[in-house]
Protein backbone atom coordinates (compact mmCIF):
# COMPACT_ATOMS: atom_id res chain seq x y z
CA UNK A 1 -73.95 -0.14 134.60
CA UNK A 2 -72.62 0.55 138.03
CA UNK A 3 -75.03 -0.15 141.01
CA UNK A 4 -74.96 1.90 144.17
CA UNK A 5 -74.38 0.02 146.91
CA UNK A 6 -77.57 0.42 149.09
CA UNK A 7 -75.97 -0.93 152.21
CA UNK A 8 -73.13 1.34 152.28
CA UNK A 9 -73.71 4.18 154.91
CA UNK A 10 -72.73 7.80 154.87
CA UNK A 11 -69.06 8.72 155.46
CA UNK A 12 -68.16 9.47 159.15
CA UNK A 13 -66.48 12.79 159.62
CA UNK A 14 -62.95 12.75 161.32
CA UNK A 15 -63.20 13.25 165.02
CA UNK A 16 -67.02 12.19 165.28
CA UNK A 17 -67.43 9.87 168.36
CA UNK A 18 -67.75 6.15 167.40
CA UNK A 19 -71.33 4.86 168.08
CA UNK A 20 -71.63 1.38 169.41
CA UNK A 21 -71.45 -1.10 166.98
CA UNK A 22 -74.84 -2.14 165.76
CA UNK A 23 -75.61 -5.72 165.64
CA UNK A 24 -75.47 -7.35 162.37
CA UNK A 25 -78.77 -8.19 160.66
CA UNK A 26 -79.95 -11.79 161.18
CA UNK A 27 -79.96 -12.21 157.35
CA UNK A 28 -76.15 -11.69 157.26
CA UNK A 29 -75.56 -14.10 160.07
CA UNK A 30 -77.61 -16.88 158.38
CA UNK A 31 -75.56 -16.14 155.17
CA UNK A 32 -72.27 -16.46 157.15
CA UNK A 33 -73.39 -19.61 158.55
CA UNK A 34 -74.26 -21.19 155.29
CA UNK A 35 -71.18 -19.76 153.91
CA UNK A 36 -69.13 -21.49 156.58
CA UNK A 37 -71.03 -24.81 156.38
CA UNK A 38 -70.15 -25.12 152.70
CA UNK A 39 -66.52 -23.52 152.75
CA UNK A 40 -65.37 -25.88 155.58
CA UNK A 41 -66.26 -28.92 153.87
CA UNK A 42 -65.00 -27.40 150.64
CA UNK A 43 -61.56 -27.14 152.43
CA UNK A 44 -61.46 -30.41 154.03
CA UNK A 45 -62.36 -32.09 150.61
CA UNK A 46 -59.64 -30.21 148.89
CA UNK A 47 -57.05 -31.40 151.58
CA UNK A 48 -58.44 -35.00 151.02
CA UNK A 49 -58.05 -34.93 147.20
CA UNK A 50 -54.38 -33.89 147.32
CA UNK A 51 -53.28 -35.97 150.45
CA UNK A 52 -55.31 -39.09 150.83
CA UNK A 53 -54.42 -42.44 149.45
CA UNK A 54 -57.56 -42.74 147.25
CA UNK A 55 -58.16 -44.48 143.84
CA UNK A 56 -58.61 -42.39 140.62
CA UNK A 57 -62.42 -42.77 140.39
CA UNK A 58 -62.75 -41.43 143.68
CA UNK A 59 -60.59 -38.61 142.95
CA UNK A 60 -62.71 -37.74 140.06
CA UNK A 61 -66.02 -37.80 142.03
CA UNK A 62 -64.43 -36.02 145.04
CA UNK A 63 -63.12 -33.23 142.59
CA UNK A 64 -66.78 -32.75 141.02
CA UNK A 65 -68.30 -32.33 144.66
CA UNK A 66 -65.68 -29.92 145.37
CA UNK A 67 -66.40 -27.97 142.18
CA UNK A 68 -70.18 -28.01 143.20
CA UNK A 69 -69.23 -26.66 146.79
CA UNK A 70 -67.17 -23.94 145.56
CA UNK A 71 -70.08 -22.85 143.12
CA UNK A 72 -72.28 -22.78 145.95
CA UNK A 73 -70.19 -20.41 147.95
CA UNK A 74 -70.03 -17.95 145.10
CA UNK A 75 -66.79 -18.80 143.48
CA UNK A 76 -66.56 -18.03 139.72
CA UNK A 77 -67.43 -21.04 137.68
CA UNK A 78 -63.97 -20.94 135.79
CA UNK A 79 -61.91 -20.80 139.09
CA UNK A 80 -64.14 -23.40 140.63
CA UNK A 81 -63.63 -25.65 137.73
CA UNK A 82 -59.76 -24.90 137.86
CA UNK A 83 -59.27 -25.55 141.37
CA UNK A 84 -61.10 -28.83 141.16
CA UNK A 85 -59.41 -29.95 138.19
CA UNK A 86 -55.88 -29.01 139.10
CA UNK A 87 -56.11 -30.72 142.44
CA UNK A 88 -57.53 -33.79 140.95
CA UNK A 89 -54.72 -33.85 138.38
CA UNK A 90 -52.24 -33.31 141.07
CA UNK A 91 -53.34 -36.51 142.99
CA UNK A 92 -53.79 -38.68 139.91
CA UNK A 93 -50.60 -37.84 137.95
CA UNK A 94 -48.48 -35.82 140.20
CA UNK A 95 -46.90 -32.46 139.76
CA UNK A 96 -45.58 -33.23 136.20
CA UNK A 97 -48.85 -33.78 134.76
CA UNK A 98 -50.07 -30.64 136.61
CA UNK A 99 -47.44 -28.51 135.13
CA UNK A 100 -47.81 -29.80 131.71
CA UNK A 101 -51.36 -29.28 131.95
CA UNK A 102 -51.07 -25.66 133.23
CA UNK A 103 -48.60 -24.74 130.57
CA UNK A 104 -50.42 -26.36 127.47
CA UNK A 105 -54.18 -26.01 128.25
CA UNK A 106 -54.27 -21.97 128.12
CA UNK A 107 -53.11 -21.93 124.41
CA UNK A 108 -54.41 -25.26 123.35
CA UNK A 109 -58.07 -24.55 124.51
CA UNK A 110 -58.61 -21.20 122.74
CA UNK A 111 -55.93 -20.92 119.99
CA UNK A 112 -58.32 -22.49 117.51
CA UNK A 113 -58.84 -20.50 114.29
CA UNK A 114 -62.69 -21.14 114.37
CA UNK A 115 -62.79 -19.62 118.04
CA UNK A 116 -61.59 -16.34 116.68
CA UNK A 117 -65.35 -15.79 115.78
CA UNK A 118 -66.08 -15.24 119.41
CA UNK A 119 -64.40 -11.65 119.74
CA UNK A 120 -65.79 -10.65 116.21
CA UNK A 121 -69.43 -11.63 116.89
CA UNK A 122 -69.33 -9.84 120.40
CA UNK A 123 -67.64 -6.81 118.92
CA UNK A 124 -70.46 -6.55 116.21
CA UNK A 125 -73.36 -6.81 118.91
CA UNK A 126 -71.72 -4.33 121.23
CA UNK A 127 -70.78 -1.83 118.78
CA UNK A 128 -74.31 -1.94 117.19
CA UNK A 129 -75.75 -1.20 120.62
CA UNK A 130 -73.47 1.65 121.36
CA UNK A 131 -73.88 3.25 118.09
CA UNK A 132 -77.51 3.03 118.25
CA UNK A 133 -77.83 1.39 114.93
CA UNK A 134 -80.62 -1.15 116.03
CA UNK A 135 -83.15 1.39 117.30
CA UNK A 136 -85.06 1.44 113.77
CA UNK A 137 -85.89 -2.34 113.97
CA UNK A 138 -88.50 -2.00 116.52
CA UNK A 139 -90.21 1.10 114.88
CA UNK A 140 -90.31 -0.94 111.56
CA UNK A 141 -91.72 -3.95 113.30
CA UNK A 142 -94.40 -1.78 115.14
CA UNK A 143 -95.42 0.04 111.81
CA UNK A 144 -95.97 -3.56 110.27
CA UNK A 145 -97.61 -5.34 113.19
CA UNK A 146 -98.80 -2.85 115.55
CA UNK A 147 -102.32 -2.90 114.52
CA UNK A 148 -102.72 -6.62 115.16
CA UNK A 149 -104.11 -7.91 118.27
CA UNK A 150 -101.34 -7.41 120.77
CA UNK A 151 -99.47 -5.94 117.78
CA UNK A 152 -96.95 -4.05 120.03
CA UNK A 153 -96.17 -7.27 121.85
CA UNK A 154 -95.88 -9.05 118.33
CA UNK A 155 -93.60 -6.39 117.21
CA UNK A 156 -91.59 -6.73 120.20
CA UNK A 157 -91.03 -10.44 119.62
CA UNK A 158 -90.35 -9.88 115.81
CA UNK A 159 -87.59 -7.21 116.82
CA UNK A 160 -86.03 -9.62 119.32
CA UNK A 161 -85.86 -12.33 116.48
CA UNK A 162 -84.27 -9.69 114.10
CA UNK A 163 -81.69 -8.40 116.79
CA UNK A 164 -80.91 -11.98 117.62
CA UNK A 165 -79.29 -12.10 113.97
CA UNK A 166 -76.79 -9.32 114.91
CA UNK A 167 -76.35 -9.82 118.57
CA UNK A 168 -75.86 -12.97 120.80
CA UNK A 169 -76.73 -11.17 123.93
CA UNK A 170 -79.97 -12.31 125.71
CA UNK A 171 -79.61 -9.66 128.19
CA UNK A 172 -78.69 -6.96 125.81
CA UNK A 173 -81.70 -7.67 123.55
CA UNK A 174 -84.27 -7.56 126.60
CA UNK A 175 -82.81 -4.52 128.00
CA UNK A 176 -82.87 -2.66 124.64
CA UNK A 177 -86.21 -3.79 123.71
CA UNK A 178 -87.47 -3.14 127.19
CA UNK A 179 -86.58 0.54 126.90
CA UNK A 180 -88.35 0.97 123.48
CA UNK A 181 -91.23 -1.32 123.95
CA UNK A 182 -92.34 -1.39 127.41
CA UNK A 183 -93.39 2.38 127.61
CA UNK A 184 -95.28 1.85 124.42
CA UNK A 185 -97.14 -1.14 125.67
CA UNK A 186 -97.74 0.59 129.11
CA UNK A 187 -99.09 3.66 127.16
CA UNK A 188 -101.47 1.41 125.32
CA UNK A 189 -102.93 -0.22 128.40
CA UNK A 190 -101.36 -3.74 128.29
CA UNK A 191 -101.19 -5.82 131.40
CA UNK A 192 -97.80 -5.83 133.04
CA UNK A 193 -97.62 -9.77 132.65
CA UNK A 194 -97.89 -9.88 128.94
CA UNK A 195 -95.82 -6.81 128.30
CA UNK A 196 -92.87 -7.76 130.56
CA UNK A 197 -93.02 -11.52 129.52
CA UNK A 198 -92.90 -10.37 125.90
CA UNK A 199 -89.61 -8.48 126.35
CA UNK A 200 -88.10 -11.36 128.36
CA UNK A 201 -88.97 -13.92 126.00
CA UNK A 202 -87.92 -11.90 122.87
CA UNK A 203 -84.49 -11.55 124.48
CA UNK A 204 -84.10 -15.45 124.54
CA UNK A 205 -84.08 -15.69 121.07
CA UNK A 206 -80.82 -14.07 120.95
CA UNK A 207 -78.79 -17.43 121.97
CA UNK A 208 -80.85 -19.57 119.55
CA UNK A 209 -80.57 -17.65 116.27
CA UNK A 210 -77.18 -17.13 114.83
CA UNK A 211 -74.67 -15.51 115.61
CA UNK A 212 -75.33 -17.09 119.18
CA UNK A 213 -72.04 -16.86 121.30
CA UNK A 214 -73.63 -19.53 123.60
CA UNK A 215 -73.80 -21.93 120.48
CA UNK A 216 -70.16 -21.16 119.61
CA UNK A 217 -69.08 -22.08 123.18
CA UNK A 218 -71.01 -25.17 123.05
CA UNK A 219 -69.34 -26.14 119.77
CA UNK A 220 -65.98 -25.67 121.34
CA UNK A 221 -66.79 -27.66 124.47
CA UNK A 222 -68.31 -30.60 122.44
CA UNK A 223 -65.78 -30.54 119.67
CA UNK A 224 -68.38 -29.86 116.74
CA UNK A 225 -68.36 -27.66 113.80
CA UNK A 226 -69.08 -24.13 114.72
CA UNK A 227 -70.52 -23.27 111.36
CA UNK A 228 -72.99 -26.23 111.68
CA UNK A 229 -73.81 -25.59 115.10
CA UNK A 230 -74.83 -21.82 114.18
CA UNK A 231 -76.88 -23.03 111.23
CA UNK A 232 -78.69 -25.48 113.34
CA UNK A 233 -80.15 -22.67 115.36
CA UNK A 234 -81.88 -21.01 112.72
CA UNK A 235 -85.09 -23.22 112.20
CA UNK A 236 -85.74 -23.87 115.78
CA UNK A 237 -85.25 -20.10 116.48
CA UNK A 238 -87.56 -19.09 113.83
CA UNK A 239 -90.20 -21.68 115.02
CA UNK A 240 -89.91 -20.50 118.52
CA UNK A 241 -90.33 -16.75 117.30
CA UNK A 242 -93.40 -17.65 115.36
CA UNK A 243 -94.90 -19.84 118.12
CA UNK A 244 -94.38 -16.98 120.77
CA UNK A 245 -96.02 -14.39 118.29
CA UNK A 246 -98.95 -17.00 117.73
CA UNK A 247 -99.12 -17.23 121.60
CA UNK A 248 -99.36 -13.34 121.88
CA UNK A 249 -102.03 -13.37 119.34
CA UNK A 250 -104.19 -16.08 120.82
CA UNK A 251 -103.71 -14.44 124.51
CA UNK A 252 -104.93 -11.05 123.22
CA UNK A 253 -107.79 -12.84 121.44
CA UNK A 254 -108.98 -14.63 124.58
CA UNK A 255 -108.32 -11.77 126.77
CA UNK A 256 -108.48 -8.40 124.81
CA UNK A 257 -107.90 -6.39 128.07
CA UNK A 258 -104.39 -8.04 128.42
CA UNK A 259 -103.29 -6.44 125.06
CA UNK A 260 -105.71 -3.57 123.74
CA UNK A 261 -105.20 -2.56 120.30
CA UNK A 262 -102.70 0.31 119.59
CA UNK A 263 -104.12 3.70 119.96
CA UNK A 264 -101.56 5.09 117.49
CA UNK A 265 -102.76 5.85 114.02
CA UNK A 266 -102.56 3.09 111.39
CA UNK A 267 -99.36 3.10 109.40
CA UNK A 268 -99.76 3.78 105.64
CA UNK A 269 -98.01 1.38 103.31
CA UNK A 270 -95.82 4.35 102.51
CA UNK A 271 -94.70 4.71 106.10
CA UNK A 272 -94.12 0.73 106.46
CA UNK A 273 -91.98 0.90 103.36
CA UNK A 274 -90.06 3.89 104.59
CA UNK A 275 -89.52 2.13 108.01
CA UNK A 276 -87.74 -0.64 106.34
CA UNK A 277 -85.49 1.83 104.70
CA UNK A 278 -84.29 3.20 107.88
CA UNK A 279 -83.71 -0.48 109.14
CA UNK A 280 -82.26 -1.72 106.02
CA UNK A 281 -78.64 -1.52 106.71
CA UNK A 282 -79.20 -3.81 109.83
CA UNK A 283 -81.50 -6.02 107.73
CA UNK A 284 -78.97 -6.31 104.90
CA UNK A 285 -76.23 -7.30 107.66
CA UNK A 286 -78.53 -9.96 108.85
CA UNK A 287 -79.05 -11.35 105.43
CA UNK A 288 -75.38 -11.23 104.58
CA UNK A 289 -74.16 -12.98 107.77
CA UNK A 290 -76.66 -15.68 107.89
CA UNK A 291 -77.15 -16.11 104.33
CA UNK A 292 -73.40 -16.13 103.83
CA UNK A 293 -73.02 -18.86 106.24
CA UNK A 294 -75.88 -21.07 104.66
CA UNK A 295 -74.45 -20.91 101.03
CA UNK A 296 -70.84 -21.39 102.01
CA UNK A 297 -69.88 -17.78 101.03
CA UNK A 298 -67.67 -17.56 103.98
CA UNK A 299 -66.75 -19.28 107.27
CA UNK A 300 -68.01 -18.31 110.58
CA UNK A 301 -64.80 -16.43 111.36
CA UNK A 302 -64.91 -14.86 107.88
CA UNK A 303 -68.48 -13.83 108.60
CA UNK A 304 -67.64 -12.41 112.05
CA UNK A 305 -64.83 -10.30 110.12
CA UNK A 306 -67.16 -8.91 107.58
CA UNK A 307 -69.82 -8.27 110.20
CA UNK A 308 -67.37 -6.41 112.41
CA UNK A 309 -65.96 -4.46 109.53
CA UNK A 310 -69.29 -3.36 108.24
CA UNK A 311 -70.41 -2.34 111.68
CA UNK A 312 -67.38 -0.11 111.78
CA UNK A 313 -68.10 1.60 108.43
CA UNK A 314 -71.92 1.76 109.31
CA UNK A 315 -71.27 3.42 112.55
CA UNK A 316 -68.88 5.83 111.00
CA UNK A 317 -71.39 6.96 108.36
CA UNK A 318 -74.35 6.99 110.86
CA UNK A 319 -73.23 7.75 114.33
CA UNK A 320 -69.95 9.63 113.29
CA UNK A 321 -71.82 11.88 110.98
CA UNK A 322 -74.42 12.71 113.71
CA UNK A 323 -72.37 13.13 116.75
CA UNK A 324 -69.00 13.76 115.16
CA UNK A 325 -65.66 11.70 114.97
CA UNK A 326 -64.51 12.47 118.68
CA UNK A 327 -67.83 10.93 119.84
CA UNK A 328 -67.44 7.99 117.28
CA UNK A 329 -63.86 7.24 118.57
CA UNK A 330 -64.83 7.28 122.16
CA UNK A 331 -67.93 5.08 121.61
CA UNK A 332 -65.79 2.78 119.69
CA UNK A 333 -63.26 2.29 122.43
CA UNK A 334 -65.94 1.60 124.96
CA UNK A 335 -67.10 -1.25 122.60
CA UNK A 336 -63.55 -2.60 122.22
CA UNK A 337 -63.26 -2.56 126.14
CA UNK A 338 -66.48 -4.35 126.57
CA UNK A 339 -65.54 -6.86 123.68
CA UNK A 340 -62.08 -7.56 125.55
CA UNK A 341 -63.76 -8.16 128.97
CA UNK A 342 -66.28 -10.44 127.61
CA UNK A 343 -63.83 -12.41 125.51
CA UNK A 344 -61.34 -12.84 128.38
CA UNK A 345 -64.26 -14.35 130.53
CA UNK A 346 -65.36 -16.53 127.72
CA UNK A 347 -61.70 -17.82 127.08
CA UNK A 348 -61.09 -18.49 130.84
CA UNK A 349 -64.18 -20.71 131.09
CA UNK A 350 -62.94 -22.66 127.96
CA UNK A 351 -59.52 -23.25 129.46
CA UNK A 352 -61.19 -24.45 132.73
CA UNK A 353 -63.67 -26.73 131.05
CA UNK A 354 -60.80 -28.29 129.14
CA UNK A 355 -58.69 -28.97 132.38
CA UNK A 356 -61.98 -30.51 134.01
CA UNK A 357 -62.49 -32.63 130.91
CA UNK A 358 -59.20 -33.90 130.97
CA UNK A 359 -59.45 -34.90 134.76
CA UNK A 360 -62.62 -36.71 133.94
CA UNK A 361 -61.13 -38.58 131.17
CA UNK A 362 -58.00 -39.61 133.29
CA UNK A 363 -59.94 -40.57 136.45
CA UNK A 364 -62.49 -42.59 134.40
CA UNK A 365 -65.41 -40.70 135.76
CA UNK A 366 -66.96 -39.91 132.44
CA UNK A 367 -66.81 -43.59 131.39
CA UNK A 368 -68.11 -44.74 134.92
CA UNK A 369 -71.28 -42.34 134.55
CA UNK A 370 -71.76 -43.49 130.86
CA UNK A 371 -71.95 -47.24 132.19
CA UNK A 372 -74.23 -46.29 134.97
CA UNK A 373 -76.70 -44.55 132.68
CA UNK A 374 -76.59 -47.20 130.01
CA UNK A 375 -77.32 -49.61 132.68
CA UNK A 376 -80.70 -47.92 133.51
CA UNK A 377 -82.00 -49.23 130.29
CA UNK A 378 -83.52 -45.90 129.28
CA UNK A 379 -84.79 -45.34 125.87
CA UNK A 380 -83.47 -42.32 123.97
CA UNK A 381 -86.77 -40.40 124.43
CA UNK A 382 -86.90 -41.22 128.14
CA UNK A 383 -83.26 -40.10 128.65
CA UNK A 384 -84.05 -36.78 127.04
CA UNK A 385 -87.04 -36.24 128.99
CA UNK A 386 -85.09 -36.83 132.20
CA UNK A 387 -82.45 -34.38 130.87
CA UNK A 388 -85.19 -31.79 130.15
CA UNK A 389 -86.36 -32.12 133.84
CA UNK A 390 -82.71 -32.10 135.02
CA UNK A 391 -81.86 -29.17 133.17
CA UNK A 392 -85.22 -27.26 134.23
CA UNK A 393 -84.38 -27.77 137.84
CA UNK A 394 -80.90 -26.86 137.41
CA UNK A 395 -81.95 -23.69 135.36
CA UNK A 396 -83.88 -22.53 138.57
CA UNK A 397 -80.85 -22.20 140.58
CA UNK A 398 -77.73 -22.11 138.15
CA UNK A 399 -76.49 -19.80 135.46
CA UNK A 400 -77.24 -21.27 132.10
CA UNK A 401 -73.42 -21.02 130.92
CA UNK A 402 -72.37 -22.69 134.18
CA UNK A 403 -74.99 -25.44 133.72
CA UNK A 404 -73.68 -26.08 130.15
CA UNK A 405 -69.97 -26.08 131.08
CA UNK A 406 -70.55 -28.50 134.13
CA UNK A 407 -72.90 -30.88 132.36
CA UNK A 408 -71.64 -31.23 128.75
CA UNK A 409 -68.27 -32.91 129.59
CA UNK A 410 -70.10 -35.43 131.60
CA UNK A 411 -73.04 -36.10 129.20
CA UNK A 412 -71.22 -36.18 125.95
CA UNK A 413 -70.06 -39.82 126.09
CA UNK A 414 -73.69 -41.05 127.23
CA UNK A 415 -75.18 -38.93 124.38
CA UNK A 416 -72.71 -40.42 121.79
CA UNK A 417 -73.57 -43.93 123.04
CA UNK A 418 -77.19 -43.24 122.39
CA UNK A 419 -76.15 -42.10 118.92
CA UNK A 420 -77.63 -38.55 119.78
CA UNK A 421 -76.12 -35.79 117.39
CA UNK A 422 -74.14 -33.30 119.27
CA UNK A 423 -75.20 -30.48 116.92
CA UNK A 424 -78.96 -31.42 117.81
CA UNK A 425 -78.04 -31.60 121.46
CA UNK A 426 -76.56 -28.18 121.43
CA UNK A 427 -79.85 -26.57 120.15
CA UNK A 428 -81.71 -28.71 122.91
CA UNK A 429 -79.37 -27.55 125.61
CA UNK A 430 -79.40 -23.97 124.64
CA UNK A 431 -83.33 -23.68 124.53
CA UNK A 432 -83.26 -25.19 127.80
CA UNK A 433 -80.66 -22.52 129.12
CA UNK A 434 -82.97 -19.74 127.73
CA UNK A 435 -85.96 -21.29 129.50
CA UNK A 436 -83.89 -21.58 132.63
CA UNK A 437 -83.22 -17.82 132.34
CA UNK A 438 -86.81 -17.08 132.75
CA UNK A 439 -87.82 -19.90 135.21
CA UNK A 440 -88.75 -19.01 138.74
CA UNK A 441 -87.49 -18.46 141.27
CA UNK A 442 -83.93 -17.47 140.01
CA UNK A 443 -84.49 -16.78 136.26
CA UNK A 444 -82.08 -13.94 135.63
CA UNK A 445 -83.82 -12.42 132.78
CA UNK A 446 -87.03 -11.83 134.67
CA UNK A 447 -85.10 -9.99 137.35
CA UNK A 448 -83.42 -7.65 134.54
CA UNK A 449 -86.87 -6.97 132.95
CA UNK A 450 -88.50 -6.39 136.33
CA UNK A 451 -85.86 -3.99 137.42
CA UNK A 452 -86.00 -2.15 134.10
CA UNK A 453 -89.75 -1.91 134.48
CA UNK A 454 -89.35 0.00 137.78
CA UNK A 455 -87.99 3.04 136.04
CA UNK A 456 -90.62 5.79 135.95
CA UNK A 457 -89.79 6.65 132.16
CA UNK A 458 -90.50 2.76 131.47
CA UNK A 459 -93.40 1.89 133.50
CA UNK A 460 -95.34 5.34 133.09
CA UNK A 461 -96.52 5.28 136.78
CA UNK A 462 -97.99 1.96 136.54
CA UNK A 463 -97.19 -0.72 139.23
CA UNK A 464 -95.23 -3.69 137.83
CA UNK A 465 -94.38 -6.59 140.33
CA UNK A 466 -92.02 -9.50 139.99
CA UNK A 467 -95.01 -11.91 140.30
CA UNK A 468 -96.64 -10.04 137.20
CA UNK A 469 -93.21 -11.01 135.27
CA UNK A 470 -93.20 -14.72 136.56
CA UNK A 471 -96.84 -15.11 135.80
CA UNK A 472 -96.43 -13.89 132.38
CA UNK A 473 -93.53 -16.08 131.33
CA UNK A 474 -95.28 -19.30 132.31
CA UNK A 475 -97.13 -19.79 128.93
CA UNK A 476 -93.90 -19.08 126.97
CA UNK A 477 -91.96 -21.54 128.88
CA UNK A 478 -94.63 -24.11 128.07
CA UNK A 479 -94.30 -23.21 124.34
CA UNK A 480 -90.59 -23.51 124.62
CA UNK A 481 -90.84 -27.07 126.27
CA UNK A 482 -93.31 -28.05 123.55
CA UNK A 483 -90.46 -27.21 120.92
CA UNK A 484 -88.09 -29.40 122.65
CA UNK A 485 -90.64 -32.41 122.77
CA UNK A 486 -91.36 -31.87 119.02
CA UNK A 487 -87.51 -31.73 118.49
CA UNK A 488 -87.18 -35.20 120.17
CA UNK A 489 -89.65 -36.68 117.76
CA UNK A 490 -88.47 -34.59 114.65
CA UNK A 491 -84.76 -34.21 115.14
CA UNK A 492 -84.59 -32.80 111.53
CA UNK A 493 -85.93 -29.51 112.89
CA UNK A 494 -82.43 -28.76 114.05
CA UNK A 495 -80.33 -31.10 111.78
CA UNK A 496 -81.74 -30.80 108.32
CA UNK A 497 -80.33 -27.44 107.57
CA UNK A 498 -76.52 -27.93 108.78
CA UNK A 499 -76.82 -31.37 106.81
CA UNK A 500 -78.15 -29.73 103.65
CA UNK A 501 -76.41 -26.50 103.60
CA UNK A 502 -72.80 -25.76 102.04
CA UNK A 503 -71.10 -24.72 105.31
CA UNK A 504 -67.52 -23.45 104.97
CA UNK A 505 -65.12 -24.25 107.76
């Protein structure tokens, strides 16, 4: 969605006398000063890396600092990693190492057969949204759960868990559910805090329950089985969905005014069964994709191929019959364009993190950091609690994918030294990423939901502030952190299913 630039003034007609230049706002001057205060050190650091006579370890650490400075001034994470990585490799190995890395890495980092699942799952999710094939899921959940205390919020949460099985987009799920569920909750008299928080947290399930693109990317970076990593998210994701629903029920019991009972008529059993019929193609697709992975019916790539093909046929039958072949073709092309754009971004990130990982290995930074952390003498639980605190702080100010790509290459040797399963840690990290997406002051998902809630057809004339959204997500954040602590003491929550299931690769 293109956003009109609010700062862009009206066009000046030709021949109109030019007015005296207006002093720039103080805010822009402060931003310029901050930008220069970071950009100049970054430039100086880049010159030092390529020209100074320094040892390899120092090159590695300076390259990491350069990457952080580039991120701070707004450089795309992939470009920041590539610049820091290539400059460091140039200093440590010369132009030959740099050229070999530049020639081999782009193909080697993304040419793995298992990574072909990424475009397929992305296309499936985008096409389902574009064809409007997910709309019936919220209606079905509402008919089944709408009369419970906080029933509309519970239905939103259940819908989020269901949509997570066919779409790995956190923001996409929250946006779609927000348009459907927020007006219903506003109409029923829900407090803005619980209504907006429910929509935001329902979206977070999208990266935990398979097919999760974030889990696929983590598996690629950590070099673990994609199928096992996806399956590992099922039980934690379902536990989180049930825990969120339980929180909503308790909230509604303790404060009935926060989530009044729905004013709609109680759905009959016939209506409930009929609603499942409308949503049945989507439910069937969920069962086949997730169930097929569990029983080894097909590999993640084959699951993605089947899901994409099924979405094409389902869209043709449903959307094509209703709107015509021309509209179907136009929507399909739009979905393909969005898929290509998303895949290109993800593959560039994978290439960049491969370059950075190679630099950390060559310079010995990864080994030095591992030795330093091991020297602290922390136990496994203490280390994980420290990482939880670190990710919680980073998540307040850093995009989740950036946080993962920056930290995983450094932490992998440490985690392996502590005999921590990387499959388990993948779930741990993705849950922390999703918590970071709703954590003040920068939680991007809270801003997405708040912005959506400002549309008149969504808020129905009620005022919804950003403070309402932040206030509402705090109890859900506590529940998410509670799951992580539980996983520390019962790691089988994430490891039992991938160890027990017959997963084809």
